[in-house]
Amino acid sequence: MNPTSRKLITPVLCLLLSLCAWLTFAPARSLAGPLPQATANADKIDINSATADKLKTLPGIGDAYAQKIIAGRPYRTKRDLILKKIIPQATYDKIKDQIIAHQPKPATTPPTK
C-alpha cells in the first residue's frame, strides 16, 4: 500500500464511522417522519365543535344523540360523553376511536400600554 492510499483511507474510515454512529444514535422519529398519531387525530371528529350532521356520520349517533352531544358541550375529554350520561357505553365503544375533544385555546388579550 502506497503512502497516498493510506492518507485517503483514514479520512474515509472516519467519515464512515461518524455516519454509522449518527445513524445508530439519531432519534428514530427524525428519520421516519412525523408520528402517525398526529395525522390520525386530524381525521377525528371534534365533539366540541362538530355540527349535528357531522356527528350523525358516526355509528349509532342519530338526531337525538347528536343534539344531546351539542347541548352537553364543552367536554374536557371524550369520556365525558359517558360521565355526563350523554350516550350509553355501547355507543361510546363504537365511536371512541373516531372522536376527540379539542380544548378551546384561551383568548389572548392585547397588551396594554
N, C-alpha and C. Protein backbone atom coordinates (compact mmCIF):
# COMPACT_ATOMS: atom_id res chain seq x y z
N MET A 1 0.84 -1.17 0.00
CA MET A 1 0.00 0.00 0.00
C MET A 1 0.89 1.24 0.00
N ASN A 2 0.63 2.15 -0.91
CA ASN A 2 1.47 3.33 -1.01
C ASN A 2 1.00 4.42 -0.02
N PRO A 3 1.84 5.40 0.28
CA PRO A 3 1.51 6.45 1.26
C PRO A 3 0.28 7.27 0.87
N THR A 4 0.03 7.48 -0.40
CA THR A 4 -1.13 8.26 -0.82
C THR A 4 -2.43 7.54 -0.48
N SER A 5 -2.45 6.23 -0.65
CA SER A 5 -3.64 5.44 -0.33
C SER A 5 -3.92 5.47 1.16
N ARG A 6 -2.87 5.41 1.98
CA ARG A 6 -3.05 5.48 3.43
C ARG A 6 -3.64 6.81 3.86
N LYS A 7 -3.22 7.89 3.22
CA LYS A 7 -3.74 9.21 3.57
C LYS A 7 -5.23 9.31 3.24
N LEU A 8 -5.69 8.60 2.23
CA LEU A 8 -7.10 8.62 1.85
C LEU A 8 -7.95 7.70 2.72
N ILE A 9 -7.40 6.60 3.15
CA ILE A 9 -8.17 5.61 3.91
C ILE A 9 -8.59 6.17 5.27
N THR A 10 -7.72 6.87 5.94
CA THR A 10 -8.03 7.39 7.28
C THR A 10 -9.23 8.33 7.27
N PRO A 11 -9.29 9.35 6.42
CA PRO A 11 -10.48 10.22 6.44
C PRO A 11 -11.76 9.49 6.01
N VAL A 12 -11.65 8.57 5.07
CA VAL A 12 -12.83 7.83 4.63
C VAL A 12 -13.35 6.95 5.77
N LEU A 13 -12.47 6.29 6.49
CA LEU A 13 -12.89 5.48 7.63
C LEU A 13 -13.53 6.33 8.72
N CYS A 14 -12.95 7.48 8.98
CA CYS A 14 -13.54 8.39 9.98
C CYS A 14 -14.94 8.84 9.57
N LEU A 15 -15.10 9.14 8.31
CA LEU A 15 -16.40 9.56 7.80
C LEU A 15 -17.42 8.43 7.93
N LEU A 16 -17.04 7.22 7.59
CA LEU A 16 -17.94 6.08 7.69
C LEU A 16 -18.32 5.79 9.14
N LEU A 17 -17.34 5.85 10.04
CA LEU A 17 -17.64 5.63 11.45
C LEU A 17 -18.57 6.70 12.00
N SER A 18 -18.36 7.94 11.59
CA SER A 18 -19.24 9.03 12.03
C SER A 18 -20.66 8.82 11.54
N LEU A 19 -20.79 8.41 10.30
CA LEU A 19 -22.11 8.16 9.72
C LEU A 19 -22.80 7.01 10.44
N CYS A 20 -22.07 5.95 10.72
CA CYS A 20 -22.65 4.81 11.45
C CYS A 20 -23.09 5.22 12.85
N ALA A 21 -22.29 6.01 13.53
CA ALA A 21 -22.64 6.46 14.87
C ALA A 21 -23.89 7.36 14.82
N TRP A 22 -23.95 8.24 13.84
CA TRP A 22 -25.10 9.13 13.72
C TRP A 22 -26.38 8.32 13.47
N LEU A 23 -26.32 7.34 12.57
CA LEU A 23 -27.49 6.53 12.27
C LEU A 23 -27.91 5.68 13.47
N THR A 24 -26.95 5.27 14.26
CA THR A 24 -27.27 4.46 15.43
C THR A 24 -27.94 5.27 16.52
N PHE A 25 -27.48 6.49 16.75
CA PHE A 25 -27.98 7.26 17.87
C PHE A 25 -28.95 8.37 17.49
N ALA A 26 -29.23 8.55 16.23
CA ALA A 26 -30.19 9.58 15.81
C ALA A 26 -31.59 9.16 16.25
N PRO A 27 -32.42 10.11 16.66
CA PRO A 27 -33.80 9.76 17.04
C PRO A 27 -34.53 9.14 15.85
N ALA A 28 -35.24 8.07 16.11
CA ALA A 28 -35.94 7.36 15.04
C ALA A 28 -36.99 8.24 14.38
N ARG A 29 -37.61 9.15 15.13
CA ARG A 29 -38.66 9.98 14.58
C ARG A 29 -38.12 10.91 13.50
N SER A 30 -36.91 11.42 13.66
CA SER A 30 -36.39 12.33 12.66
C SER A 30 -36.11 11.62 11.34
N LEU A 31 -35.85 10.33 11.39
CA LEU A 31 -35.61 9.57 10.18
C LEU A 31 -36.91 9.07 9.56
N ALA A 32 -37.90 8.77 10.39
CA ALA A 32 -39.14 8.16 9.91
C ALA A 32 -40.21 9.19 9.55
N GLY A 33 -40.04 10.43 9.91
CA GLY A 33 -41.05 11.44 9.63
C GLY A 33 -41.96 11.64 10.83
N PRO A 34 -43.08 12.33 10.65
CA PRO A 34 -43.97 12.63 11.76
C PRO A 34 -44.65 11.36 12.29
N LEU A 35 -45.04 11.44 13.53
CA LEU A 35 -45.71 10.30 14.14
C LEU A 35 -47.09 10.09 13.51
N PRO A 36 -47.50 8.86 13.30
CA PRO A 36 -48.79 8.59 12.68
C PRO A 36 -49.96 9.12 13.51
N GLN A 37 -49.83 9.17 14.83
CA GLN A 37 -50.94 9.62 15.67
C GLN A 37 -51.29 11.07 15.40
N ALA A 38 -50.33 11.90 15.07
CA ALA A 38 -50.61 13.30 14.82
C ALA A 38 -51.56 13.47 13.65
N THR A 39 -51.37 12.70 12.62
CA THR A 39 -52.28 12.79 11.48
C THR A 39 -53.58 12.08 11.77
N ALA A 40 -53.54 11.04 12.59
CA ALA A 40 -54.77 10.33 12.92
C ALA A 40 -55.72 11.22 13.70
N ASN A 41 -55.20 12.05 14.60
CA ASN A 41 -56.06 12.96 15.36
C ASN A 41 -56.72 13.99 14.47
N ALA A 42 -56.08 14.36 13.39
CA ALA A 42 -56.66 15.34 12.49
C ALA A 42 -57.90 14.79 11.78
N ASP A 43 -57.98 13.48 11.63
CA ASP A 43 -59.12 12.86 10.98
C ASP A 43 -60.30 12.62 11.91
N LYS A 44 -60.11 12.80 13.19
CA LYS A 44 -61.17 12.53 14.17
C LYS A 44 -62.16 13.69 14.23
N ILE A 45 -63.37 13.37 14.63
CA ILE A 45 -64.43 14.37 14.76
C ILE A 45 -64.35 14.99 16.14
N ASP A 46 -64.29 16.31 16.19
CA ASP A 46 -64.21 17.04 17.46
C ASP A 46 -65.62 17.20 18.02
N ILE A 47 -65.87 16.57 19.17
CA ILE A 47 -67.21 16.63 19.75
C ILE A 47 -67.52 18.01 20.33
N ASN A 48 -66.53 18.86 20.46
CA ASN A 48 -66.77 20.21 20.97
C ASN A 48 -67.13 21.20 19.87
N SER A 49 -66.94 20.85 18.61
CA SER A 49 -67.23 21.82 17.55
C SER A 49 -67.96 21.25 16.34
N ALA A 50 -68.14 19.95 16.27
CA ALA A 50 -68.76 19.33 15.10
C ALA A 50 -70.24 19.69 14.99
N THR A 51 -70.71 19.80 13.77
CA THR A 51 -72.13 20.05 13.53
C THR A 51 -72.92 18.77 13.77
N ALA A 52 -74.24 18.92 13.88
CA ALA A 52 -75.10 17.75 14.07
C ALA A 52 -74.95 16.79 12.90
N ASP A 53 -74.88 17.31 11.68
CA ASP A 53 -74.73 16.45 10.50
C ASP A 53 -73.43 15.65 10.56
N LYS A 54 -72.37 16.28 11.01
CA LYS A 54 -71.07 15.60 11.12
C LYS A 54 -71.13 14.52 12.20
N LEU A 55 -71.77 14.83 13.33
CA LEU A 55 -71.89 13.85 14.41
C LEU A 55 -72.72 12.65 13.97
N LYS A 56 -73.72 12.88 13.14
CA LYS A 56 -74.60 11.80 12.68
C LYS A 56 -73.89 10.83 11.74
N THR A 57 -72.71 11.17 11.28
CA THR A 57 -71.94 10.23 10.44
C THR A 57 -71.30 9.13 11.29
N LEU A 58 -71.28 9.32 12.60
CA LEU A 58 -70.71 8.32 13.50
C LEU A 58 -71.70 7.17 13.69
N PRO A 59 -71.20 5.93 13.82
CA PRO A 59 -72.11 4.80 14.01
C PRO A 59 -72.87 4.90 15.33
N GLY A 60 -74.18 4.72 15.26
CA GLY A 60 -75.01 4.76 16.46
C GLY A 60 -75.46 6.14 16.88
N ILE A 61 -75.02 7.17 16.17
CA ILE A 61 -75.41 8.55 16.52
C ILE A 61 -76.45 9.02 15.51
N GLY A 62 -77.64 9.28 16.02
CA GLY A 62 -78.72 9.81 15.20
C GLY A 62 -79.03 11.24 15.61
N ASP A 63 -80.22 11.71 15.26
CA ASP A 63 -80.63 13.08 15.58
C ASP A 63 -80.61 13.35 17.09
N ALA A 64 -81.19 12.42 17.86
CA ALA A 64 -81.32 12.63 19.30
C ALA A 64 -79.95 12.71 19.99
N TYR A 65 -79.08 11.74 19.71
CA TYR A 65 -77.75 11.76 20.34
C TYR A 65 -76.92 12.94 19.86
N ALA A 66 -77.03 13.30 18.60
CA ALA A 66 -76.28 14.45 18.09
C ALA A 66 -76.70 15.72 18.84
N GLN A 67 -77.99 15.89 19.06
CA GLN A 67 -78.47 17.07 19.79
C GLN A 67 -78.03 17.03 21.25
N LYS A 68 -78.03 15.84 21.87
CA LYS A 68 -77.56 15.73 23.26
C LYS A 68 -76.08 16.06 23.37
N ILE A 69 -75.29 15.61 22.39
CA ILE A 69 -73.85 15.91 22.40
C ILE A 69 -73.63 17.41 22.30
N ILE A 70 -74.35 18.07 21.40
CA ILE A 70 -74.21 19.52 21.22
C ILE A 70 -74.65 20.25 22.47
N ALA A 71 -75.75 19.83 23.08
CA ALA A 71 -76.27 20.50 24.28
C ALA A 71 -75.36 20.32 25.49
N GLY A 72 -74.57 19.25 25.52
CA GLY A 72 -73.72 18.98 26.68
C GLY A 72 -72.34 19.62 26.62
N ARG A 73 -72.07 20.37 25.57
CA ARG A 73 -70.75 21.00 25.41
C ARG A 73 -70.50 22.05 26.46
N PRO A 74 -69.25 22.31 26.78
CA PRO A 74 -68.00 21.74 26.29
C PRO A 74 -67.62 20.48 27.07
N TYR A 75 -66.80 19.66 26.45
CA TYR A 75 -66.29 18.43 27.05
C TYR A 75 -64.79 18.58 27.27
N ARG A 76 -64.33 18.15 28.45
CA ARG A 76 -62.88 18.16 28.72
C ARG A 76 -62.21 17.00 28.00
N THR A 77 -62.84 15.84 28.04
CA THR A 77 -62.34 14.65 27.36
C THR A 77 -63.50 13.96 26.67
N LYS A 78 -63.19 13.07 25.75
CA LYS A 78 -64.26 12.35 25.08
C LYS A 78 -65.00 11.42 26.04
N ARG A 79 -64.35 11.01 27.13
CA ARG A 79 -65.00 10.17 28.14
C ARG A 79 -66.14 10.90 28.83
N ASP A 80 -66.18 12.23 28.74
CA ASP A 80 -67.28 12.99 29.33
C ASP A 80 -68.63 12.59 28.74
N LEU A 81 -68.63 12.06 27.52
CA LEU A 81 -69.89 11.59 26.93
C LEU A 81 -70.52 10.50 27.79
N ILE A 82 -69.69 9.69 28.42
CA ILE A 82 -70.18 8.64 29.33
C ILE A 82 -70.45 9.22 30.70
N LEU A 83 -69.49 10.01 31.21
CA LEU A 83 -69.61 10.54 32.57
C LEU A 83 -70.82 11.46 32.73
N LYS A 84 -71.16 12.21 31.69
CA LYS A 84 -72.33 13.10 31.74
C LYS A 84 -73.61 12.41 31.27
N LYS A 85 -73.49 11.10 30.99
CA LYS A 85 -74.62 10.27 30.55
C LYS A 85 -75.28 10.82 29.29
N ILE A 86 -74.45 11.25 28.35
CA ILE A 86 -74.94 11.76 27.07
C ILE A 86 -75.28 10.59 26.14
N ILE A 87 -74.41 9.60 26.09
CA ILE A 87 -74.63 8.41 25.27
C ILE A 87 -74.33 7.18 26.11
N PRO A 88 -74.90 6.01 25.76
CA PRO A 88 -74.59 4.79 26.51
C PRO A 88 -73.19 4.25 26.18
N GLN A 89 -72.69 3.41 27.06
CA GLN A 89 -71.35 2.84 26.91
C GLN A 89 -71.20 2.09 25.59
N ALA A 90 -72.21 1.34 25.18
CA ALA A 90 -72.12 0.56 23.94
C ALA A 90 -71.92 1.48 22.73
N THR A 91 -72.61 2.62 22.70
CA THR A 91 -72.46 3.57 21.60
C THR A 91 -71.08 4.22 21.66
N TYR A 92 -70.64 4.56 22.86
CA TYR A 92 -69.30 5.14 23.02
C TYR A 92 -68.23 4.18 22.51
N ASP A 93 -68.38 2.90 22.82
CA ASP A 93 -67.39 1.91 22.38
C ASP A 93 -67.30 1.86 20.86
N LYS A 94 -68.39 2.14 20.16
CA LYS A 94 -68.38 2.13 18.69
C LYS A 94 -67.65 3.34 18.11
N ILE A 95 -67.69 4.48 18.82
CA ILE A 95 -67.18 5.73 18.24
C ILE A 95 -65.91 6.26 18.88
N LYS A 96 -65.46 5.67 19.97
CA LYS A 96 -64.35 6.25 20.74
C LYS A 96 -63.07 6.47 19.93
N ASP A 97 -62.84 5.63 18.92
CA ASP A 97 -61.63 5.79 18.11
C ASP A 97 -61.80 6.81 16.99
N GLN A 98 -63.01 7.34 16.83
CA GLN A 98 -63.29 8.27 15.74
C GLN A 98 -63.53 9.69 16.23
N ILE A 99 -63.47 9.90 17.55
CA ILE A 99 -63.77 11.24 18.10
C ILE A 99 -62.62 11.75 18.94
N ILE A 100 -62.66 13.05 19.18
CA ILE A 100 -61.68 13.73 20.02
C ILE A 100 -62.38 14.94 20.64
N ALA A 101 -61.90 15.38 21.78
CA ALA A 101 -62.45 16.57 22.43
C ALA A 101 -61.36 17.63 22.51
N HIS A 102 -61.25 18.44 21.45
CA HIS A 102 -60.27 19.52 21.45
C HIS A 102 -60.67 20.58 22.48
N GLN A 103 -59.67 21.12 23.12
CA GLN A 103 -59.92 22.20 24.09
C GLN A 103 -59.77 23.53 23.38
N PRO A 104 -60.67 24.47 23.66
CA PRO A 104 -60.52 25.78 23.02
C PRO A 104 -59.26 26.47 23.53
N LYS A 105 -58.60 27.18 22.64
CA LYS A 105 -57.41 27.92 23.04
C LYS A 105 -57.85 29.14 23.83
N PRO A 106 -57.13 29.46 24.92
CA PRO A 106 -57.51 30.62 25.71
C PRO A 106 -57.37 31.90 24.89
N ALA A 107 -58.31 32.78 25.09
CA ALA A 107 -58.28 34.05 24.37
C ALA A 107 -57.11 34.87 24.90
N THR A 108 -56.39 35.44 23.99
CA THR A 108 -55.27 36.29 24.40
C THR A 108 -55.73 37.75 24.36
N THR A 109 -55.36 38.45 25.36
CA THR A 109 -55.73 39.87 25.42
C THR A 109 -54.57 40.69 24.87
N PRO A 110 -54.87 41.74 24.15
CA PRO A 110 -53.78 42.59 23.63
C PRO A 110 -53.06 43.28 24.78
N PRO A 111 -51.77 43.46 24.66
CA PRO A 111 -51.02 44.13 25.72
C PRO A 111 -51.49 45.56 25.90
N THR A 112 -51.55 45.99 27.15
CA THR A 112 -51.95 47.38 27.44
C THR A 112 -50.74 48.28 27.43
N LYS A 113 -50.98 49.52 27.09
CA LYS A 113 -49.87 50.48 27.02
C LYS A 113 -49.79 51.28 28.29
